[in-house]
């Protein structure tokens, strides 16, 4: 009997499972699957790949080192800049302190100059006041000198009149002497007793003193009339060394005083001789101390 063919059913529709035959045929076991081909063990990577990795790592390290060096260099630059800024700040503080000291010194000098200016203004005001007083005194003295010049002119006129009167008296005396010579000689006059003295002249009512002048050099002769009436006097200054002399004729009111010597034509000096005469009063003789 021939062998029945093997029938395989596949892709049956869903639903009832297929009914197996009651006596399935015996099939031989399937052959074992073929063994997979053996793979060789993994070998080490080629040297070229390792060299690239090493180079990359080296480049990375160099980059890191460069960054670190740049960072350190930048930090050093920042520290140097900070130190420089600190030095500049210290210098600026020192300059500010110096400027403050200079400003204080300038202010002190300005205050000192202000005080000196005020003192100079005060001295200028005093000088102006003294100049005004001196000018007033000069004007007063100029007026007194004009008065004295007028009095001198009057005295010269009076002296001229006196000289003319003296000349007339001399002529009259000569005429009388000629007339008496033609007459017989008179009897001798009785002798005068030696105890009979000539009458003494009255002392001049004038106070005489010396003082240092307020303006000019030398000395001032101070004359004060102590009489109740005006007193005309003649004052003569003489230098005993040179023999030069100067004469003044002035009039002093009652109780008034006048000064001669520091201002005018004659500069009174120590050792000069002064002669003061007035009418019938006894003359006053002084020597400048």
Protein backbone atom coordinates (compact mmCIF):
# COMPACT_ATOMS: atom_id res chain seq x y z
CA UNK A 1 0.00 0.00 0.00
CA UNK A 2 1.22 3.33 -0.92
CA UNK A 3 2.03 6.14 1.64
CA UNK A 4 -0.70 8.77 2.19
CA UNK A 5 0.35 12.28 1.35
CA UNK A 6 0.83 14.79 4.19
CA UNK A 7 -1.80 17.52 4.24
CA UNK A 8 -1.17 20.80 6.11
CA UNK A 9 -4.02 23.20 6.87
CA UNK A 10 -3.14 26.75 7.43
CA UNK A 11 -4.92 30.04 7.72
CA UNK A 12 -8.19 28.53 8.71
CA UNK A 13 -10.97 30.98 9.31
CA UNK A 14 -11.90 31.88 12.81
CA UNK A 15 -14.69 29.99 14.41
CA UNK A 16 -14.72 26.40 14.94
CA UNK A 17 -11.31 24.83 15.30
CA UNK A 18 -10.48 22.33 12.69
CA UNK A 19 -11.00 18.79 13.53
CA UNK A 20 -7.92 16.75 13.53
CA UNK A 21 -7.97 13.42 11.90
CA UNK A 22 -8.50 10.58 14.14
CA UNK A 23 -5.31 8.95 13.21
CA UNK A 24 -2.72 11.51 12.39
CA UNK A 25 0.13 10.27 10.34
CA UNK A 26 3.50 9.91 11.91
CA UNK A 27 5.93 12.53 10.72
CA UNK A 28 9.63 12.49 11.19
CA UNK A 29 11.12 15.00 13.60
CA UNK A 30 12.32 18.16 12.03
CA UNK A 31 15.97 18.50 11.44
CA UNK A 32 17.94 20.57 13.96
CA UNK A 33 18.45 24.13 12.98
CA UNK A 34 21.80 24.93 11.55
CA UNK A 35 24.31 26.34 14.01
CA UNK A 36 25.00 30.04 13.61
CA UNK A 37 28.39 30.92 12.27
CA UNK A 38 30.92 31.71 14.94
CA UNK A 39 31.88 35.43 15.34
CA UNK A 40 35.41 36.47 16.04
CA UNK A 41 36.13 38.25 19.39
CA UNK A 42 36.15 42.08 19.22
CA UNK A 43 39.61 43.38 18.69
CA UNK A 44 41.14 46.63 20.11
CA UNK A 45 40.25 49.86 18.27
CA UNK A 46 42.69 50.83 15.69
CA UNK A 47 45.51 53.14 16.80
CA UNK A 48 44.27 55.99 14.60
CA UNK A 49 41.05 56.42 16.60
CA UNK A 50 42.99 56.47 19.92
CA UNK A 51 45.36 59.13 18.57
CA UNK A 52 42.45 61.47 17.62
CA UNK A 53 40.93 61.16 21.08
CA UNK A 54 44.27 61.96 22.70
CA UNK A 55 44.73 64.98 20.50
CA UNK A 56 41.22 66.21 21.36
CA UNK A 57 41.90 65.76 25.04
CA UNK A 58 45.20 67.61 24.68
CA UNK A 59 43.55 70.44 22.80
CA UNK A 60 40.84 70.62 25.48
CA UNK A 61 43.51 70.71 28.18
CA UNK A 62 45.37 73.42 26.32
CA UNK A 63 42.15 75.41 26.00
CA UNK A 64 41.46 74.97 29.70
CA UNK A 65 45.03 76.01 30.54
CA UNK A 66 44.77 79.02 28.22
CA UNK A 67 41.47 80.00 29.83
CA UNK A 68 43.02 79.57 33.28
CA UNK A 69 46.11 81.60 32.29
CA UNK A 70 43.89 84.28 30.76
CA UNK A 71 41.77 84.31 33.90
CA UNK A 72 44.84 84.53 36.14
CA UNK A 73 46.34 87.23 33.93
CA UNK A 74 43.03 89.11 33.96
CA UNK A 75 42.86 88.79 37.74
CA UNK A 76 46.42 90.09 38.00
CA UNK A 77 45.50 92.99 35.74
CA UNK A 78 42.44 93.70 37.86
CA UNK A 79 44.55 93.55 41.03
CA UNK A 80 47.13 95.89 39.47
CA UNK A 81 44.37 98.27 38.34
CA UNK A 82 42.83 98.09 41.84
CA UNK A 83 46.19 98.84 43.46
CA UNK A 84 46.74 101.69 41.00
CA UNK A 85 43.27 103.03 41.77
CA UNK A 86 44.06 102.76 45.49
CA UNK A 87 47.32 104.65 44.95
CA UNK A 88 45.54 107.26 42.87
CA UNK A 89 42.84 107.54 45.54
CA UNK A 90 45.54 108.01 48.20
CA UNK A 91 47.25 110.63 46.08
CA UNK A 92 43.94 112.37 45.53
CA UNK A 93 43.27 112.32 49.27
CA UNK A 94 46.73 113.73 49.93
CA UNK A 95 46.18 116.40 47.28
CA UNK A 96 42.78 117.18 48.79
CA UNK A 97 44.34 117.51 52.25
CA UNK A 98 47.09 119.70 50.79
CA UNK A 99 44.49 121.80 48.98
CA UNK A 100 42.55 122.20 52.22
CA UNK A 101 45.72 123.24 54.03
CA UNK A 102 46.54 125.67 51.22
CA UNK A 103 43.01 127.06 51.34
CA UNK A 104 43.30 127.47 55.10
CA UNK A 105 46.63 129.25 54.69
CA UNK A 106 45.18 131.48 51.98
CA UNK A 107 42.21 132.29 54.21
CA UNK A 108 44.54 133.12 57.11
CA UNK A 109 46.62 135.35 54.82
CA UNK A 110 43.44 137.00 53.55
CA UNK A 111 42.29 137.65 57.14
CA UNK A 112 45.73 139.03 57.99
CA UNK A 113 45.69 141.27 54.92
CA UNK A 114 42.20 142.44 55.86
CA UNK A 115 43.41 143.37 59.34
CA UNK A 116 46.49 145.10 57.93
CA UNK A 117 44.29 146.97 55.46
CA UNK A 118 42.03 148.11 58.30
CA UNK A 119 45.09 149.23 60.28
CA UNK A 120 46.44 151.09 57.25
CA UNK A 121 43.07 152.75 56.71
CA UNK A 122 43.07 153.84 60.36
CA UNK A 123 46.62 155.16 60.03
CA UNK A 124 45.65 156.95 56.81
CA UNK A 125 42.71 158.56 58.58
CA UNK A 126 45.03 159.63 61.43
CA UNK A 127 47.55 160.98 58.92
CA UNK A 128 44.82 162.93 57.15
CA UNK A 129 43.65 164.33 60.48
CA UNK A 130 47.22 165.29 61.39
CA UNK A 131 47.67 166.84 57.95
CA UNK A 132 44.49 168.85 58.43
CA UNK A 133 45.68 170.03 61.85
CA UNK A 134 49.14 170.84 60.50
CA UNK A 135 47.63 172.76 57.59
CA UNK A 136 45.43 174.69 59.99
CA UNK A 137 48.46 175.46 62.16
CA UNK A 138 50.42 176.45 59.06
CA UNK A 139 47.63 178.76 57.95
CA UNK A 140 47.51 180.21 61.44
CA UNK A 141 51.26 180.70 61.47
CA UNK A 142 51.13 182.20 58.00
CA UNK A 143 48.60 184.70 59.28
CA UNK A 144 50.76 185.38 62.32
CA UNK A 145 53.80 185.87 60.08
CA UNK A 146 51.80 188.28 57.93
CA UNK A 147 50.82 190.16 61.08
CA UNK A 148 54.43 190.12 62.24
CA UNK A 149 55.57 191.37 58.84
CA UNK A 150 53.07 194.20 59.09
CA UNK A 151 54.27 194.97 62.59
CA UNK A 152 57.85 194.80 61.34
CA UNK A 153 57.05 197.27 58.61
CA UNK A 154 55.39 199.52 61.18
CA UNK A 155 58.44 199.15 63.43
CA UNK A 156 60.74 200.02 60.53
CA UNK A 157 58.65 203.08 59.77
CA UNK A 158 58.75 204.00 63.45
CA UNK A 159 62.50 203.43 63.47
CA UNK A 160 62.83 205.66 60.42
CA UNK A 161 60.77 208.31 62.12
CA UNK A 162 62.84 207.88 65.29
CA UNK A 163 66.04 208.15 63.24
CA UNK A 164 64.77 211.33 61.62
CA UNK A 165 63.86 212.70 65.04
CA UNK A 166 67.28 211.66 66.34
CA UNK A 167 68.93 213.42 63.40
CA UNK A 168 66.93 216.54 64.14
CA UNK A 169 67.85 216.24 67.81
CA UNK A 170 71.51 215.82 66.89
CA UNK A 171 71.36 218.89 64.73
CA UNK A 172 69.66 220.83 67.53
CA UNK A 173 72.27 219.53 69.98
CA UNK A 174 75.06 220.63 67.68
CA UNK A 175 73.45 224.02 67.39
CA UNK A 176 73.12 224.28 71.16
CA UNK A 177 76.71 223.20 71.63
CA UNK A 178 77.85 225.89 69.20
CA UNK A 179 75.76 228.43 71.07
CA UNK A 180 77.15 227.40 74.45
CA UNK A 181 80.73 227.58 73.21
CA UNK A 182 80.24 231.30 72.50
CA UNK A 183 78.97 231.89 76.10
CA UNK A 184 81.18 232.07 79.25
CA UNK A 185 81.93 228.71 80.90
CA UNK A 186 79.38 227.98 83.63
CA UNK A 187 80.32 227.18 87.18
CA UNK A 188 81.19 223.62 87.87
CA UNK A 189 78.29 221.45 88.98
CA UNK A 190 78.31 220.06 92.48
CA UNK A 191 79.82 216.64 92.83
CA UNK A 192 77.42 213.79 92.97
CA UNK A 193 77.57 211.68 96.09
CA UNK A 194 78.80 208.17 95.42
CA UNK A 195 75.90 206.83 97.48
CA UNK A 196 73.42 208.29 94.99
CA UNK A 197 72.54 205.47 92.51
CA UNK A 198 70.75 205.75 89.18
CA UNK A 199 67.17 204.48 89.24
CA UNK A 200 66.85 200.81 88.23
CA UNK A 201 64.68 199.88 85.21
CA UNK A 202 61.57 197.79 85.90
CA UNK A 203 61.70 194.09 85.04
CA UNK A 204 59.93 193.18 81.86
CA UNK A 205 56.53 191.44 82.49
CA UNK A 206 57.46 188.58 80.20
CA UNK A 207 57.88 184.86 80.89
CA UNK A 208 60.69 183.23 78.85
CA UNK A 209 61.13 179.46 78.37
CA UNK A 210 62.32 176.89 75.82
CA UNK A 211 60.76 173.68 74.48
CA UNK A 212 61.05 171.14 71.68
CA UNK A 213 58.83 171.99 68.68
CA UNK A 214 56.05 169.69 67.54
CA UNK A 215 57.05 170.29 63.90
CA UNK A 216 60.63 170.77 62.74
CA UNK A 217 63.99 170.59 64.50
CA UNK A 218 65.86 172.76 66.97
CA UNK A 219 64.21 174.69 69.81
CA UNK A 220 61.33 177.08 70.32
CA UNK A 221 61.53 180.25 72.38
CA UNK A 222 58.25 180.63 74.29
CA UNK A 223 57.30 184.20 75.27
CA UNK A 224 54.25 184.87 77.45
CA UNK A 225 52.95 188.32 78.34
CA UNK A 226 52.06 188.38 82.04
CA UNK A 227 51.07 192.05 82.08
CA UNK A 228 47.47 193.35 81.82
CA UNK A 229 48.26 195.23 78.60
CA UNK A 230 49.69 194.44 75.18
CA UNK A 231 53.48 194.29 75.18
CA UNK A 232 55.58 195.26 72.09
CA UNK A 233 59.00 193.64 72.23
CA UNK A 234 62.12 193.27 70.10
CA UNK A 235 63.78 189.85 70.03
CA UNK A 236 67.29 189.40 68.67
CA UNK A 237 68.89 186.00 68.00
CA UNK A 238 72.69 185.81 67.69
CA UNK A 239 74.95 182.89 66.83
CA UNK A 240 78.15 183.44 68.85
CA UNK A 241 80.19 181.20 66.53
CA UNK A 242 79.36 182.78 63.18
CA UNK A 243 78.30 186.21 64.47
CA UNK A 244 75.10 186.10 62.42
CA UNK A 245 71.97 187.57 63.96
CA UNK A 246 68.27 188.00 63.28
CA UNK A 247 65.88 190.50 64.85
CA UNK A 248 62.11 190.26 65.28
CA UNK A 249 59.69 192.92 66.44
CA UNK A 250 56.41 191.52 67.67
CA UNK A 251 53.54 192.44 69.94
CA UNK A 252 52.02 190.00 72.44
CA UNK A 253 48.54 190.52 73.83
CA UNK A 254 47.86 190.35 77.54
CA UNK A 255 48.02 186.75 78.79
CA UNK A 256 48.94 185.47 75.31
CA UNK A 257 52.10 183.64 74.28
CA UNK A 258 54.14 183.28 71.11
CA UNK A 259 56.79 180.84 69.94
CA UNK A 260 59.85 181.63 67.83
CA UNK A 261 62.66 179.46 66.53
CA UNK A 262 61.50 176.30 64.71
CA UNK A 263 59.54 178.12 61.99
CA UNK A 264 60.70 181.21 60.19
CA UNK A 265 63.98 182.61 58.93
CA UNK A 266 65.95 181.80 62.11
CA UNK A 267 66.34 178.22 63.32
CA UNK A 268 67.07 178.47 67.03
CA UNK A 269 69.84 176.10 68.13
CA UNK A 270 71.56 175.29 71.39
CA UNK A 271 74.06 177.98 72.39
CA UNK A 272 72.35 180.84 70.53
CA UNK A 273 72.04 184.08 72.50
CA UNK A 274 68.70 185.83 72.83
CA UNK A 275 68.22 189.50 73.67
CA UNK A 276 64.71 190.78 74.47
CA UNK A 277 63.96 194.50 74.83
CA UNK A 278 60.74 196.44 75.37
CA UNK A 279 60.57 200.19 76.04
CA UNK A 280 61.97 201.21 79.40
CA UNK A 281 61.90 197.71 80.83
CA UNK A 282 65.15 196.04 81.75
CA UNK A 283 66.31 193.83 78.84
CA UNK A 284 66.25 190.06 79.16
CA UNK A 285 69.29 188.05 78.08
CA UNK A 286 69.14 184.27 77.62
CA UNK A 287 71.21 181.50 76.07
CA UNK A 288 69.45 178.58 74.37
CA UNK A 289 70.08 175.36 76.35
